[in-house]
Amino acid sequence: MKGGSKLTNVDLTKPKVPTQAPKWLGNYGKRMWPKLAAYLNKNSKIIRADEYLLQQYCSTYDLYRMAYDEIQKEGLQSKIYKTVVSPVDGSIVAKNFAGFRKNPAVQTMSDSLSKLNSIGRELGLSPKARSEMLELNAPTESKKSVAQSMKEFFK
């Protein structure tokens, strides 16, 4: 099995993700990938093992944009008609308006947005996540010895 050997040679602890998008991504995801990879490589502590999160984010963004395009083309909802058929010869007698039906792309867009927000937080893309990362990197007030810290803990 030749394909498996290539994957085992990848160092997952390497700091940074590739800036070239995977071939399988859709058009929108491929356009998002290099921008996001460059940002993450520069501004976060991302490692190669986190690449799957970037893949999920970009593929979900692709779905989000395709759903958006569908809504722009077809609208948020469509009219539903009930067709009345003649019992004698099966011909259509009338089409009566029965209401509206939500475009399924609205739900796809909503689900994708929720997933984008969730993955974005994991990647540190939200303001809150960025501030939490800064707090983790903030220097401590004073450097105490382990013995001093243990002494204070057991008081």
N, C-alpha and C. Protein backbone atom coordinates (compact mmCIF):
# COMPACT_ATOMS: atom_id res chain seq x y z
N MET A 1 0.85 -1.18 0.00
CA MET A 1 0.00 0.00 0.00
C MET A 1 0.89 1.23 0.00
N LYS A 2 1.07 1.84 -1.15
CA LYS A 2 1.95 2.97 -1.29
C LYS A 2 1.40 4.23 -0.63
N GLY A 3 0.11 4.48 -0.74
CA GLY A 3 -0.49 5.71 -0.25
C GLY A 3 -0.28 5.95 1.23
N GLY A 4 -0.29 4.89 2.04
CA GLY A 4 -0.16 5.02 3.49
C GLY A 4 1.21 5.48 3.92
N SER A 5 2.25 5.12 3.18
CA SER A 5 3.60 5.49 3.60
C SER A 5 3.82 6.99 3.52
N LYS A 6 3.18 7.66 2.61
CA LYS A 6 3.32 9.11 2.48
C LYS A 6 2.78 9.82 3.72
N LEU A 7 1.66 9.36 4.24
CA LEU A 7 1.05 9.98 5.41
C LEU A 7 1.89 9.77 6.67
N THR A 8 2.55 8.64 6.78
CA THR A 8 3.33 8.38 7.99
C THR A 8 4.58 9.23 8.06
N ASN A 9 5.01 9.81 6.95
CA ASN A 9 6.20 10.65 6.94
C ASN A 9 5.90 12.11 7.31
N VAL A 10 4.65 12.45 7.54
CA VAL A 10 4.28 13.82 7.88
C VAL A 10 4.49 14.04 9.37
N ASP A 11 5.24 15.09 9.71
CA ASP A 11 5.48 15.44 11.11
C ASP A 11 4.32 16.31 11.60
N LEU A 12 3.44 15.73 12.41
CA LEU A 12 2.24 16.44 12.87
C LEU A 12 2.54 17.49 13.92
N THR A 13 3.74 17.50 14.48
CA THR A 13 4.09 18.50 15.49
C THR A 13 4.74 19.73 14.86
N LYS A 14 4.94 19.69 13.57
CA LYS A 14 5.57 20.80 12.84
C LYS A 14 4.70 22.05 13.01
N PRO A 15 5.32 23.18 13.40
CA PRO A 15 4.52 24.39 13.60
C PRO A 15 4.18 25.05 12.27
N LYS A 16 2.99 25.03 11.87
CA LYS A 16 2.46 25.66 10.66
C LYS A 16 1.68 24.63 9.84
N VAL A 17 0.73 25.16 9.10
CA VAL A 17 -0.06 24.35 8.18
C VAL A 17 0.31 24.77 6.76
N PRO A 18 0.12 23.90 5.78
CA PRO A 18 0.46 24.26 4.40
C PRO A 18 -0.40 25.43 3.91
N THR A 19 0.17 26.26 3.06
CA THR A 19 -0.59 27.40 2.53
C THR A 19 -1.32 27.04 1.24
N GLN A 20 -1.06 25.87 0.71
CA GLN A 20 -1.76 25.43 -0.50
C GLN A 20 -2.96 24.57 -0.10
N ALA A 21 -4.11 24.90 -0.65
CA ALA A 21 -5.35 24.19 -0.32
C ALA A 21 -5.34 22.77 -0.87
N PRO A 22 -6.02 21.84 -0.17
CA PRO A 22 -6.17 20.49 -0.71
C PRO A 22 -6.95 20.52 -2.02
N LYS A 23 -6.65 19.60 -2.90
CA LYS A 23 -7.30 19.57 -4.22
C LYS A 23 -8.79 19.29 -4.14
N TRP A 24 -9.23 18.58 -3.12
CA TRP A 24 -10.62 18.17 -3.03
C TRP A 24 -11.55 19.30 -2.57
N LEU A 25 -11.01 20.39 -2.07
CA LEU A 25 -11.87 21.49 -1.61
C LEU A 25 -12.61 22.13 -2.78
N GLY A 26 -13.80 22.66 -2.50
CA GLY A 26 -14.56 23.39 -3.51
C GLY A 26 -13.93 24.76 -3.77
N ASN A 27 -14.47 25.47 -4.74
CA ASN A 27 -13.89 26.76 -5.16
C ASN A 27 -13.80 27.78 -4.03
N TYR A 28 -14.87 27.95 -3.28
CA TYR A 28 -14.85 28.94 -2.20
C TYR A 28 -13.85 28.55 -1.11
N GLY A 29 -13.82 27.28 -0.77
CA GLY A 29 -12.88 26.79 0.24
C GLY A 29 -11.43 26.96 -0.21
N LYS A 30 -11.18 26.71 -1.49
CA LYS A 30 -9.82 26.87 -2.02
C LYS A 30 -9.37 28.33 -1.96
N ARG A 31 -10.30 29.26 -2.15
CA ARG A 31 -9.94 30.68 -2.07
C ARG A 31 -9.74 31.12 -0.63
N MET A 32 -10.47 30.51 0.30
CA MET A 32 -10.35 30.87 1.71
C MET A 32 -9.05 30.32 2.31
N TRP A 33 -8.66 29.12 1.92
CA TRP A 33 -7.54 28.40 2.54
C TRP A 33 -6.26 29.23 2.65
N PRO A 34 -5.68 29.76 1.54
CA PRO A 34 -4.39 30.44 1.67
C PRO A 34 -4.43 31.66 2.58
N LYS A 35 -5.54 32.38 2.56
CA LYS A 35 -5.68 33.56 3.43
C LYS A 35 -5.68 33.14 4.89
N LEU A 36 -6.48 32.14 5.19
CA LEU A 36 -6.62 31.67 6.57
C LEU A 36 -5.35 30.98 7.05
N ALA A 37 -4.73 30.17 6.20
CA ALA A 37 -3.49 29.49 6.57
C ALA A 37 -2.39 30.50 6.88
N ALA A 38 -2.28 31.53 6.05
CA ALA A 38 -1.26 32.56 6.28
C ALA A 38 -1.51 33.28 7.61
N TYR A 39 -2.78 33.60 7.87
CA TYR A 39 -3.12 34.27 9.13
C TYR A 39 -2.80 33.38 10.34
N LEU A 40 -3.23 32.13 10.27
CA LEU A 40 -3.00 31.21 11.40
C LEU A 40 -1.51 30.93 11.61
N ASN A 41 -0.77 30.76 10.53
CA ASN A 41 0.66 30.51 10.65
C ASN A 41 1.39 31.69 11.29
N LYS A 42 0.89 32.88 11.03
CA LYS A 42 1.53 34.09 11.55
C LYS A 42 1.08 34.42 12.98
N ASN A 43 -0.19 34.22 13.28
CA ASN A 43 -0.77 34.76 14.51
C ASN A 43 -1.18 33.75 15.57
N SER A 44 -0.95 32.48 15.38
CA SER A 44 -1.39 31.52 16.39
C SER A 44 -0.37 30.40 16.55
N LYS A 45 -0.61 29.59 17.53
CA LYS A 45 0.28 28.46 17.80
C LYS A 45 -0.29 27.20 17.16
N ILE A 46 -0.52 27.27 15.88
CA ILE A 46 -1.11 26.14 15.15
C ILE A 46 0.01 25.17 14.76
N ILE A 47 -0.32 23.89 14.78
CA ILE A 47 0.63 22.87 14.34
C ILE A 47 0.00 22.06 13.21
N ARG A 48 0.80 21.27 12.57
CA ARG A 48 0.34 20.50 11.41
C ARG A 48 -0.84 19.60 11.76
N ALA A 49 -0.91 19.12 13.00
CA ALA A 49 -2.01 18.25 13.42
C ALA A 49 -3.34 18.99 13.41
N ASP A 50 -3.32 20.32 13.46
CA ASP A 50 -4.55 21.11 13.43
C ASP A 50 -5.05 21.35 12.01
N GLU A 51 -4.36 20.82 11.03
CA GLU A 51 -4.74 21.04 9.64
C GLU A 51 -6.17 20.56 9.37
N TYR A 52 -6.59 19.49 10.05
CA TYR A 52 -7.95 18.98 9.82
C TYR A 52 -9.00 20.02 10.20
N LEU A 53 -8.72 20.85 11.21
CA LEU A 53 -9.66 21.92 11.58
C LEU A 53 -9.76 22.94 10.46
N LEU A 54 -8.63 23.26 9.87
CA LEU A 54 -8.62 24.21 8.75
C LEU A 54 -9.37 23.61 7.56
N GLN A 55 -9.21 22.30 7.34
CA GLN A 55 -9.94 21.64 6.26
C GLN A 55 -11.44 21.70 6.51
N GLN A 56 -11.84 21.41 7.74
CA GLN A 56 -13.27 21.46 8.09
C GLN A 56 -13.81 22.88 7.92
N TYR A 57 -13.05 23.85 8.38
CA TYR A 57 -13.49 25.24 8.30
C TYR A 57 -13.70 25.65 6.84
N CYS A 58 -12.72 25.37 6.00
CA CYS A 58 -12.81 25.78 4.60
C CYS A 58 -13.89 25.01 3.83
N SER A 59 -14.06 23.72 4.12
CA SER A 59 -15.12 22.97 3.42
C SER A 59 -16.49 23.43 3.89
N THR A 60 -16.61 23.78 5.16
CA THR A 60 -17.88 24.29 5.68
C THR A 60 -18.16 25.67 5.10
N TYR A 61 -17.13 26.49 4.94
CA TYR A 61 -17.28 27.80 4.31
C TYR A 61 -17.76 27.62 2.88
N ASP A 62 -17.25 26.61 2.20
CA ASP A 62 -17.67 26.32 0.84
C ASP A 62 -19.17 26.01 0.80
N LEU A 63 -19.63 25.16 1.72
CA LEU A 63 -21.07 24.84 1.80
C LEU A 63 -21.90 26.09 2.10
N TYR A 64 -21.42 26.90 3.02
CA TYR A 64 -22.11 28.14 3.39
C TYR A 64 -22.30 29.04 2.17
N ARG A 65 -21.23 29.22 1.40
CA ARG A 65 -21.31 30.10 0.24
C ARG A 65 -22.19 29.51 -0.87
N MET A 66 -22.15 28.19 -1.05
CA MET A 66 -23.02 27.58 -2.06
C MET A 66 -24.49 27.74 -1.66
N ALA A 67 -24.78 27.58 -0.37
CA ALA A 67 -26.15 27.78 0.12
C ALA A 67 -26.57 29.23 -0.08
N TYR A 68 -25.67 30.15 0.20
CA TYR A 68 -25.95 31.57 0.00
C TYR A 68 -26.27 31.86 -1.47
N ASP A 69 -25.46 31.31 -2.37
CA ASP A 69 -25.70 31.49 -3.80
C ASP A 69 -27.07 30.94 -4.21
N GLU A 70 -27.43 29.78 -3.66
CA GLU A 70 -28.73 29.17 -3.95
C GLU A 70 -29.87 30.07 -3.49
N ILE A 71 -29.73 30.65 -2.31
CA ILE A 71 -30.76 31.55 -1.77
C ILE A 71 -30.87 32.80 -2.63
N GLN A 72 -29.73 33.33 -3.08
CA GLN A 72 -29.76 34.50 -3.96
C GLN A 72 -30.46 34.19 -5.27
N LYS A 73 -30.27 32.98 -5.77
CA LYS A 73 -30.85 32.58 -7.04
C LYS A 73 -32.35 32.25 -6.91
N GLU A 74 -32.70 31.45 -5.90
CA GLU A 74 -34.07 30.93 -5.77
C GLU A 74 -34.93 31.67 -4.74
N GLY A 75 -34.33 32.46 -3.87
CA GLY A 75 -35.08 33.16 -2.83
C GLY A 75 -35.16 32.36 -1.54
N LEU A 76 -35.65 33.02 -0.50
CA LEU A 76 -35.77 32.38 0.81
C LEU A 76 -36.86 31.32 0.85
N GLN A 77 -37.89 31.55 0.07
CA GLN A 77 -39.02 30.62 0.07
C GLN A 77 -39.63 30.56 -1.31
N SER A 78 -40.40 29.51 -1.53
CA SER A 78 -41.09 29.36 -2.81
C SER A 78 -42.56 29.07 -2.55
N LYS A 79 -43.37 29.43 -3.51
CA LYS A 79 -44.81 29.21 -3.39
C LYS A 79 -45.14 27.73 -3.60
N ILE A 80 -46.15 27.27 -2.86
CA ILE A 80 -46.62 25.89 -3.00
C ILE A 80 -48.05 25.94 -3.54
N TYR A 81 -48.31 25.12 -4.53
CA TYR A 81 -49.65 25.04 -5.11
C TYR A 81 -50.18 23.63 -4.97
N LYS A 82 -51.48 23.53 -4.69
CA LYS A 82 -52.13 22.22 -4.65
C LYS A 82 -52.84 22.05 -5.99
N THR A 83 -52.51 20.97 -6.66
CA THR A 83 -53.09 20.71 -7.97
C THR A 83 -54.36 19.88 -7.82
N VAL A 84 -55.43 20.38 -8.42
CA VAL A 84 -56.71 19.67 -8.40
C VAL A 84 -56.84 18.93 -9.74
N VAL A 85 -57.04 17.61 -9.66
CA VAL A 85 -57.10 16.77 -10.85
C VAL A 85 -58.52 16.25 -11.03
N SER A 86 -58.96 16.23 -12.27
CA SER A 86 -60.29 15.72 -12.60
C SER A 86 -60.33 14.21 -12.39
N PRO A 87 -61.33 13.70 -11.64
CA PRO A 87 -61.44 12.26 -11.43
C PRO A 87 -61.87 11.51 -12.69
N VAL A 88 -62.41 12.22 -13.65
CA VAL A 88 -62.91 11.58 -14.86
C VAL A 88 -61.77 11.24 -15.83
N ASP A 89 -61.00 12.27 -16.20
CA ASP A 89 -59.96 12.02 -17.21
C ASP A 89 -58.52 12.28 -16.71
N GLY A 90 -58.36 12.70 -15.46
CA GLY A 90 -57.03 12.92 -14.89
C GLY A 90 -56.37 14.22 -15.31
N SER A 91 -57.12 15.07 -15.98
CA SER A 91 -56.54 16.35 -16.40
C SER A 91 -56.51 17.33 -15.22
N ILE A 92 -55.61 18.28 -15.29
CA ILE A 92 -55.48 19.29 -14.23
C ILE A 92 -56.62 20.29 -14.37
N VAL A 93 -57.39 20.43 -13.30
CA VAL A 93 -58.53 21.35 -13.29
C VAL A 93 -58.10 22.71 -12.76
N ALA A 94 -57.30 22.72 -11.69
CA ALA A 94 -56.90 23.99 -11.09
C ALA A 94 -55.61 23.80 -10.29
N LYS A 95 -54.94 24.93 -10.07
CA LYS A 95 -53.77 24.97 -9.17
C LYS A 95 -54.09 26.03 -8.13
N ASN A 96 -54.29 25.57 -6.89
CA ASN A 96 -54.64 26.47 -5.80
C ASN A 96 -53.41 26.77 -4.94
N PHE A 97 -53.25 28.05 -4.62
CA PHE A 97 -52.13 28.47 -3.77
C PHE A 97 -52.31 27.86 -2.38
N ALA A 98 -51.26 27.19 -1.86
CA ALA A 98 -51.36 26.51 -0.57
C ALA A 98 -50.42 27.10 0.48
N GLY A 99 -49.59 28.07 0.12
CA GLY A 99 -48.68 28.68 1.09
C GLY A 99 -47.26 28.76 0.56
N PHE A 100 -46.34 28.86 1.50
CA PHE A 100 -44.92 28.98 1.14
C PHE A 100 -44.12 27.84 1.75
N ARG A 101 -43.02 27.53 1.11
CA ARG A 101 -42.08 26.52 1.60
C ARG A 101 -40.71 27.17 1.70
N LYS A 102 -40.04 26.94 2.85
CA LYS A 102 -38.71 27.50 3.05
C LYS A 102 -37.71 26.79 2.15
N ASN A 103 -36.83 27.56 1.56
CA ASN A 103 -35.75 27.00 0.74
C ASN A 103 -34.84 26.17 1.65
N PRO A 104 -34.58 24.90 1.33
CA PRO A 104 -33.72 24.06 2.17
C PRO A 104 -32.30 24.64 2.34
N ALA A 105 -31.88 25.49 1.43
CA ALA A 105 -30.55 26.10 1.53
C ALA A 105 -30.46 27.03 2.74
N VAL A 106 -31.60 27.53 3.23
CA VAL A 106 -31.60 28.37 4.43
C VAL A 106 -31.10 27.56 5.62
N GLN A 107 -31.58 26.34 5.76
CA GLN A 107 -31.14 25.48 6.87
C GLN A 107 -29.67 25.10 6.70
N THR A 108 -29.26 24.80 5.47
CA THR A 108 -27.86 24.48 5.20
C THR A 108 -26.96 25.65 5.58
N MET A 109 -27.40 26.85 5.22
CA MET A 109 -26.62 28.04 5.54
C MET A 109 -26.53 28.25 7.05
N SER A 110 -27.64 28.06 7.74
CA SER A 110 -27.67 28.21 9.19
C SER A 110 -26.77 27.18 9.88
N ASP A 111 -26.87 25.93 9.47
CA ASP A 111 -26.03 24.87 10.05
C ASP A 111 -24.55 25.14 9.79
N SER A 112 -24.24 25.58 8.58
CA SER A 112 -22.86 25.88 8.22
C SER A 112 -22.31 27.03 9.05
N LEU A 113 -23.13 28.05 9.27
CA LEU A 113 -22.69 29.20 10.06
C LEU A 113 -22.39 28.79 11.50
N SER A 114 -23.23 27.93 12.06
CA SER A 114 -22.98 27.44 13.43
C SER A 114 -21.67 26.66 13.49
N LYS A 115 -21.44 25.82 12.49
CA LYS A 115 -20.21 25.03 12.46
C LYS A 115 -18.98 25.92 12.24
N LEU A 116 -19.12 26.94 11.38
CA LEU A 116 -18.02 27.88 11.17
C LEU A 116 -17.65 28.59 12.46
N ASN A 117 -18.67 29.02 13.21
CA ASN A 117 -18.41 29.69 14.49
C ASN A 117 -17.71 28.76 15.47
N SER A 118 -18.16 27.53 15.53
CA SER A 118 -17.57 26.56 16.45
C SER A 118 -16.11 26.26 16.10
N ILE A 119 -15.85 25.96 14.84
CA ILE A 119 -14.48 25.66 14.41
C ILE A 119 -13.61 26.91 14.50
N GLY A 120 -14.19 28.06 14.18
CA GLY A 120 -13.46 29.32 14.28
C GLY A 120 -12.96 29.59 15.69
N ARG A 121 -13.79 29.27 16.68
CA ARG A 121 -13.37 29.42 18.08
C ARG A 121 -12.19 28.51 18.39
N GLU A 122 -12.25 27.27 17.89
CA GLU A 122 -11.15 26.33 18.13
C GLU A 122 -9.86 26.80 17.47
N LEU A 123 -9.98 27.47 16.34
CA LEU A 123 -8.80 27.97 15.64
C LEU A 123 -8.34 29.32 16.19
N GLY A 124 -9.12 29.90 17.10
CA GLY A 124 -8.75 31.20 17.67
C GLY A 124 -9.13 32.36 16.79
N LEU A 125 -10.20 32.23 16.01
CA LEU A 125 -10.59 33.28 15.07
C LEU A 125 -11.59 34.28 15.63
N SER A 126 -12.18 33.99 16.78
CA SER A 126 -13.13 34.95 17.36
C SER A 126 -12.38 35.90 18.29
N PRO A 127 -12.92 37.11 18.51
CA PRO A 127 -12.27 38.05 19.43
C PRO A 127 -12.09 37.45 20.82
N LYS A 128 -13.08 36.72 21.30
CA LYS A 128 -12.99 36.12 22.63
C LYS A 128 -11.86 35.08 22.68
N ALA A 129 -11.80 34.24 21.65
CA ALA A 129 -10.75 33.21 21.62
C ALA A 129 -9.36 33.85 21.55
N ARG A 130 -9.23 34.94 20.78
CA ARG A 130 -7.94 35.62 20.70
C ARG A 130 -7.55 36.22 22.04
N SER A 131 -8.52 36.81 22.75
CA SER A 131 -8.20 37.40 24.05
C SER A 131 -7.83 36.32 25.07
N GLU A 132 -8.49 35.16 24.99
CA GLU A 132 -8.15 34.06 25.89
C GLU A 132 -6.74 33.55 25.61
N MET A 133 -6.35 33.53 24.34
CA MET A 133 -5.00 33.10 23.99
C MET A 133 -3.97 34.09 24.55
N LEU A 134 -4.29 35.38 24.50
CA LEU A 134 -3.38 36.38 25.04
C LEU A 134 -3.24 36.23 26.54
N GLU A 135 -4.34 35.91 27.22
CA GLU A 135 -4.30 35.70 28.67
C GLU A 135 -3.42 34.50 29.02
N LEU A 136 -3.47 33.47 28.19
CA LEU A 136 -2.62 32.29 28.44
C LEU A 136 -1.15 32.63 28.31
N ASN A 137 -0.84 33.57 27.43
CA ASN A 137 0.55 33.94 27.19
C ASN A 137 1.03 35.07 28.09
N ALA A 138 0.13 35.64 28.90
CA ALA A 138 0.52 36.76 29.77
C ALA A 138 1.50 36.29 30.83
N PRO A 139 2.51 37.12 31.13
CA PRO A 139 3.48 36.71 32.15
C PRO A 139 2.84 36.71 33.53
N THR A 140 3.31 35.83 34.38
CA THR A 140 2.78 35.76 35.74
C THR A 140 3.37 36.90 36.55
N GLU A 141 2.68 37.25 37.64
CA GLU A 141 3.10 38.39 38.46
C GLU A 141 4.49 38.17 39.04
N SER A 142 4.72 37.04 39.60
CA SER A 142 6.04 36.75 40.16
C SER A 142 6.33 35.27 39.98
N LYS A 143 7.58 34.98 39.86
CA LYS A 143 7.97 33.58 39.70
C LYS A 143 8.30 33.01 41.07
N LYS A 144 7.42 32.14 41.54
CA LYS A 144 7.62 31.50 42.84
C LYS A 144 8.18 30.11 42.63
N SER A 145 8.87 29.65 43.60
CA SER A 145 9.39 28.29 43.52
C SER A 145 8.25 27.31 43.71
N VAL A 146 8.46 26.10 43.30
CA VAL A 146 7.45 25.06 43.45
C VAL A 146 7.16 24.84 44.93
N ALA A 147 8.19 24.88 45.75
CA ALA A 147 8.01 24.68 47.19
C ALA A 147 7.14 25.79 47.79
N GLN A 148 7.39 27.03 47.37
CA GLN A 148 6.60 28.16 47.87
C GLN A 148 5.14 28.03 47.43
N SER A 149 4.91 27.64 46.19
CA SER A 149 3.55 27.45 45.68
C SER A 149 2.83 26.35 46.43
N MET A 150 3.51 25.25 46.71
CA MET A 150 2.91 24.14 47.45
C MET A 150 2.58 24.57 48.88
N LYS A 151 3.46 25.36 49.47
CA LYS A 151 3.25 25.85 50.83
C LYS A 151 1.98 26.71 50.89
N GLU A 152 1.80 27.59 49.90
CA GLU A 152 0.61 28.44 49.86
C GLU A 152 -0.64 27.62 49.58
N PHE A 153 -0.51 26.59 48.77
CA PHE A 153 -1.65 25.75 48.42
C PHE A 153 -2.20 25.02 49.64
N PHE A 154 -1.33 24.55 50.52
CA PHE A 154 -1.76 23.76 51.67
C PHE A 154 -2.03 24.59 52.92
N LYS A 155 -2.04 25.90 52.84
CA LYS A 155 -2.34 26.74 54.01
C LYS A 155 -3.76 26.57 54.43
